[in-house]
Protein backbone atom coordinates (compact mmCIF):
# COMPACT_ATOMS: atom_id res chain seq x y z
CA MET A 1 -27.09 -75.05 0.25
CA LYS A 2 -24.48 -74.86 2.94
CA ASN A 3 -21.82 -74.47 0.29
CA PHE A 4 -23.73 -71.59 -1.33
CA GLN A 5 -23.97 -69.68 1.96
CA GLN A 6 -20.27 -70.12 2.63
CA ASN A 7 -19.40 -68.95 -0.88
CA LEU A 8 -21.77 -66.02 -0.50
CA LEU A 9 -20.21 -65.12 2.87
CA ILE A 10 -16.70 -65.35 1.38
CA GLY A 11 -17.79 -63.21 -1.63
CA ILE A 12 -19.31 -60.57 0.65
CA GLY A 13 -16.14 -60.61 2.81
CA LEU A 14 -13.90 -60.11 -0.24
CA ALA A 15 -16.17 -57.33 -1.53
CA LEU A 16 -15.94 -55.55 1.85
CA CYS A 17 -12.15 -55.93 1.84
CA GLY A 18 -12.02 -54.45 -1.67
CA LEU A 19 -14.29 -51.60 -0.60
CA CYS A 20 -12.07 -50.90 2.44
CA ALA A 21 -8.93 -50.93 0.24
CA TRP A 22 -10.57 -48.61 -2.27
CA GLN A 23 -11.72 -46.21 0.47
CA TRP A 24 -8.25 -46.26 2.02
CA TYR A 25 -6.71 -45.41 -1.36
CA VAL A 26 -9.15 -42.52 -1.98
CA GLN A 27 -8.56 -41.09 1.50
CA THR A 28 -4.78 -41.31 1.02
CA VAL A 29 -5.02 -39.42 -2.27
CA LEU A 30 -7.29 -36.79 -0.69
CA ARG A 31 -5.00 -36.36 2.32
CA ASN A 32 -2.02 -35.84 0.02
CA HIS A 33 -4.02 -33.27 -1.91
CA ILE A 34 -5.04 -31.56 1.35
CA GLU A 35 -1.39 -31.41 2.42
CA VAL A 36 -0.46 -29.73 -0.87
CA LEU A 37 -3.28 -27.23 -0.37
CA ASP A 38 -2.22 -26.62 3.24
CA GLN A 39 1.32 -25.87 2.07
CA SER A 40 -0.04 -23.51 -0.56
CA ILE A 41 -2.20 -21.76 2.05
CA PHE A 42 0.79 -21.46 4.39
CA LYS A 43 2.91 -19.90 1.63
CA GLN A 44 0.13 -17.48 0.83
CA SER A 45 -0.25 -16.61 4.52
CA VAL A 46 3.46 -15.84 4.70
CA GLU A 47 3.17 -13.64 1.61
CA ILE A 48 0.15 -11.87 3.04
CA GLN A 49 2.04 -11.21 6.26
CA GLY A 50 4.96 -9.80 4.27
CA TYR A 51 2.65 -7.56 2.29
CA THR A 52 0.93 -6.43 5.48
CA ASN A 53 4.29 -5.50 6.99
CA SER A 54 5.27 -3.55 3.87
CA ILE A 55 1.93 -1.72 3.97
CA LYS A 56 2.54 -0.72 7.58
CA THR A 57 6.02 0.52 6.64
CA MET A 58 4.61 2.53 3.72
CA ASP A 59 1.90 3.96 5.97
CA GLY A 60 4.59 5.23 8.32
CA GLU A 61 6.58 6.74 5.47
CA ILE A 62 3.49 8.40 4.01
CA THR A 63 2.63 9.87 7.41
CA GLU A 64 6.15 11.25 7.75
CA LEU A 65 6.00 12.75 4.26
CA GLN A 66 2.61 14.32 4.94
CA THR A 67 3.98 15.84 8.13
CA HIS A 68 6.97 17.19 6.25
CA ILE A 69 4.71 18.60 3.52
CA GLY A 70 2.62 20.34 6.20
CA GLU A 71 5.75 21.89 7.67
CA LEU A 72 6.90 23.08 4.25
CA LYS A 73 3.47 24.57 3.57
CA LYS A 74 3.65 26.49 6.86
CA GLU A 75 7.11 27.75 5.92
CA GLY A 76 5.80 28.74 2.50
CA ALA A 77 2.94 30.67 4.09
CA THR A 78 5.30 32.56 6.41
CA ASN A 79 7.60 33.26 3.47
CA ASN A 80 4.64 34.65 1.51
CA GLN A 81 3.83 36.94 4.42
CA LEU A 82 7.46 38.02 4.54
CA VAL A 83 7.39 38.74 0.82
CA LEU A 84 4.21 40.78 1.19
CA GLU A 85 5.74 42.74 4.04
CA GLN A 86 8.87 43.37 2.01
CA LYS A 87 6.78 44.49 -0.97
CA ARG A 88 4.95 46.94 1.27
CA ASP A 89 8.25 48.24 2.61
CA LEU A 90 9.55 48.65 -0.94
CA LEU A 91 6.44 50.59 -1.95
CA ARG A 92 6.73 52.88 1.07
CA LEU A 93 10.36 53.53 0.27
CA ARG A 94 9.58 54.37 -3.34
CA LEU A 95 6.89 56.88 -2.27
CA SER A 96 9.30 58.45 0.19
CA ALA A 97 11.94 58.69 -2.54
CA GLU A 98 9.55 60.64 -4.79
CA SER A 99 8.63 63.07 -2.03
CA LEU A 100 12.21 63.62 -0.95
CA SER A 101 13.95 64.52 -4.18
CA ASN A 102 17.10 65.82 -2.48
CA GLN A 103 17.86 62.35 -0.99
CA ILE A 104 17.18 60.29 -4.14
CA VAL A 105 20.56 58.60 -4.19
CA GLN A 106 20.30 57.36 -0.62
CA TYR A 107 16.80 55.99 -1.12
CA GLN A 108 17.79 54.33 -4.40
CA GLU A 109 20.50 52.43 -2.55
CA ALA A 110 18.01 51.34 0.09
CA THR A 111 15.59 50.11 -2.54
CA ASN A 112 18.39 48.24 -4.30
CA VAL A 113 19.21 46.47 -1.04
CA LEU A 114 15.58 45.54 -0.55
CA GLU A 115 15.30 44.29 -4.11
CA ARG A 116 18.32 42.04 -3.57
CA LYS A 117 16.70 40.74 -0.41
CA LEU A 118 13.49 40.16 -2.33
CA ALA A 119 15.41 38.30 -5.01
CA GLU A 120 17.00 36.16 -2.33
CA ALA A 121 13.61 35.59 -0.77
CA TYR A 122 12.15 34.71 -4.19
CA ASP A 123 15.01 32.29 -4.75
CA GLY A 124 14.30 30.71 -1.37
CA ILE A 125 10.61 30.49 -2.22
CA LYS A 126 11.38 28.90 -5.58
CA LYS A 127 13.57 26.32 -3.86
CA GLN A 128 10.84 25.60 -1.35
CA ASN A 129 8.23 25.35 -4.11
CA ASP A 130 10.49 22.90 -5.95
CA ALA A 131 10.89 20.89 -2.75
CA LEU A 132 7.10 20.91 -2.27
CA SER A 133 6.61 19.70 -5.85
CA GLN A 134 9.13 16.91 -5.35
CA LEU A 135 7.50 15.88 -2.09
CA ALA A 136 4.08 15.89 -3.72
CA ALA A 137 5.44 13.71 -6.54
CA GLN A 138 7.01 11.35 -4.01
CA ARG A 139 3.76 11.26 -2.06
CA ASP A 140 1.82 10.49 -5.22
CA GLU A 141 4.31 7.74 -6.08
CA PHE A 142 4.03 6.22 -2.61
CA ILE A 143 0.23 6.46 -2.76
CA GLY A 144 0.32 4.75 -6.17
CA LYS A 145 2.53 2.01 -4.79
CA TYR A 146 0.26 1.70 -1.79
CA THR A 147 -2.82 1.48 -4.01
CA ASN A 148 -1.18 -1.15 -6.21
CA SER A 149 -0.09 -3.07 -3.14
CA VAL A 150 -3.63 -3.00 -1.74
CA LYS A 151 -5.00 -4.19 -5.10
CA GLU A 152 -2.50 -7.03 -5.15
CA ARG A 153 -3.44 -8.02 -1.64
CA ASN A 154 -7.14 -7.87 -2.48
CA ASP A 155 -6.53 -10.08 -5.52
CA LEU A 156 -4.54 -12.45 -3.34
CA VAL A 157 -7.35 -12.56 -0.76
CA GLU A 158 -9.89 -13.23 -3.52
CA LYS A 159 -7.72 -16.06 -4.83
CA TYR A 160 -7.32 -17.38 -1.30
CA ASN A 161 -11.09 -17.26 -0.72
CA ALA A 162 -11.69 -19.04 -4.03
CA LEU A 163 -9.14 -21.67 -3.05
CA VAL A 164 -10.76 -22.14 0.35
CA GLU A 165 -14.14 -22.50 -1.35
CA ARG A 166 -12.71 -25.12 -3.73
CA VAL A 167 -11.20 -27.01 -0.81
CA LYS A 168 -14.56 -26.94 1.00
CA LYS A 169 -16.32 -28.20 -2.11
CA MET A 170 -13.72 -30.92 -2.56
CA GLN A 171 -14.09 -31.93 1.08
CA GLU A 172 -17.87 -31.96 0.75
CA ALA A 173 -17.58 -33.98 -2.45
CA ALA A 174 -15.17 -36.36 -0.75
CA SER A 175 -17.50 -36.64 2.23
CA ALA A 176 -20.46 -37.26 -0.05
CA GLY A 177 -18.44 -39.78 -2.08
CA GLY A 178 -17.12 -41.51 1.04
CA SER A 179 -20.56 -41.80 2.62
CA LYS A 180 -22.05 -43.53 -0.42
């Protein structure tokens, strides 16, 4: 009987050693896996930071463009007022020319000068309208880029959250497996 107890004790000791070795192996594999996941999370954090910085830069550029568009709109409004005033002046001159038939030649020259000025003003307005259109297109492009960038970041955050959830589940599974 004494021999049986010793053999049983030795068998239990060997089984515990095997269990310890197996647990050590599983924990080593899990730690290596956790290190890989930590490196992946770090890389993603660096990418997120880069994207955040680019978003801040784009926000600044968009703000500057919106300010510039506002200034151009104000200039366009003042130019429209100038055009209206010049149109009124032209109309007054034409009425005066009809009433003063003896000075037709002089008034015709004055109206020709005003028409040239109007043409110059119209050319200036066309240039400003073209500039406004280009700025609006650039703004729309930047907003599109910004929207795409935000979508990418949201996708990245969703992937990150899914990865974190998987890591938690793996840790819980490892904890549950290690406690058995």
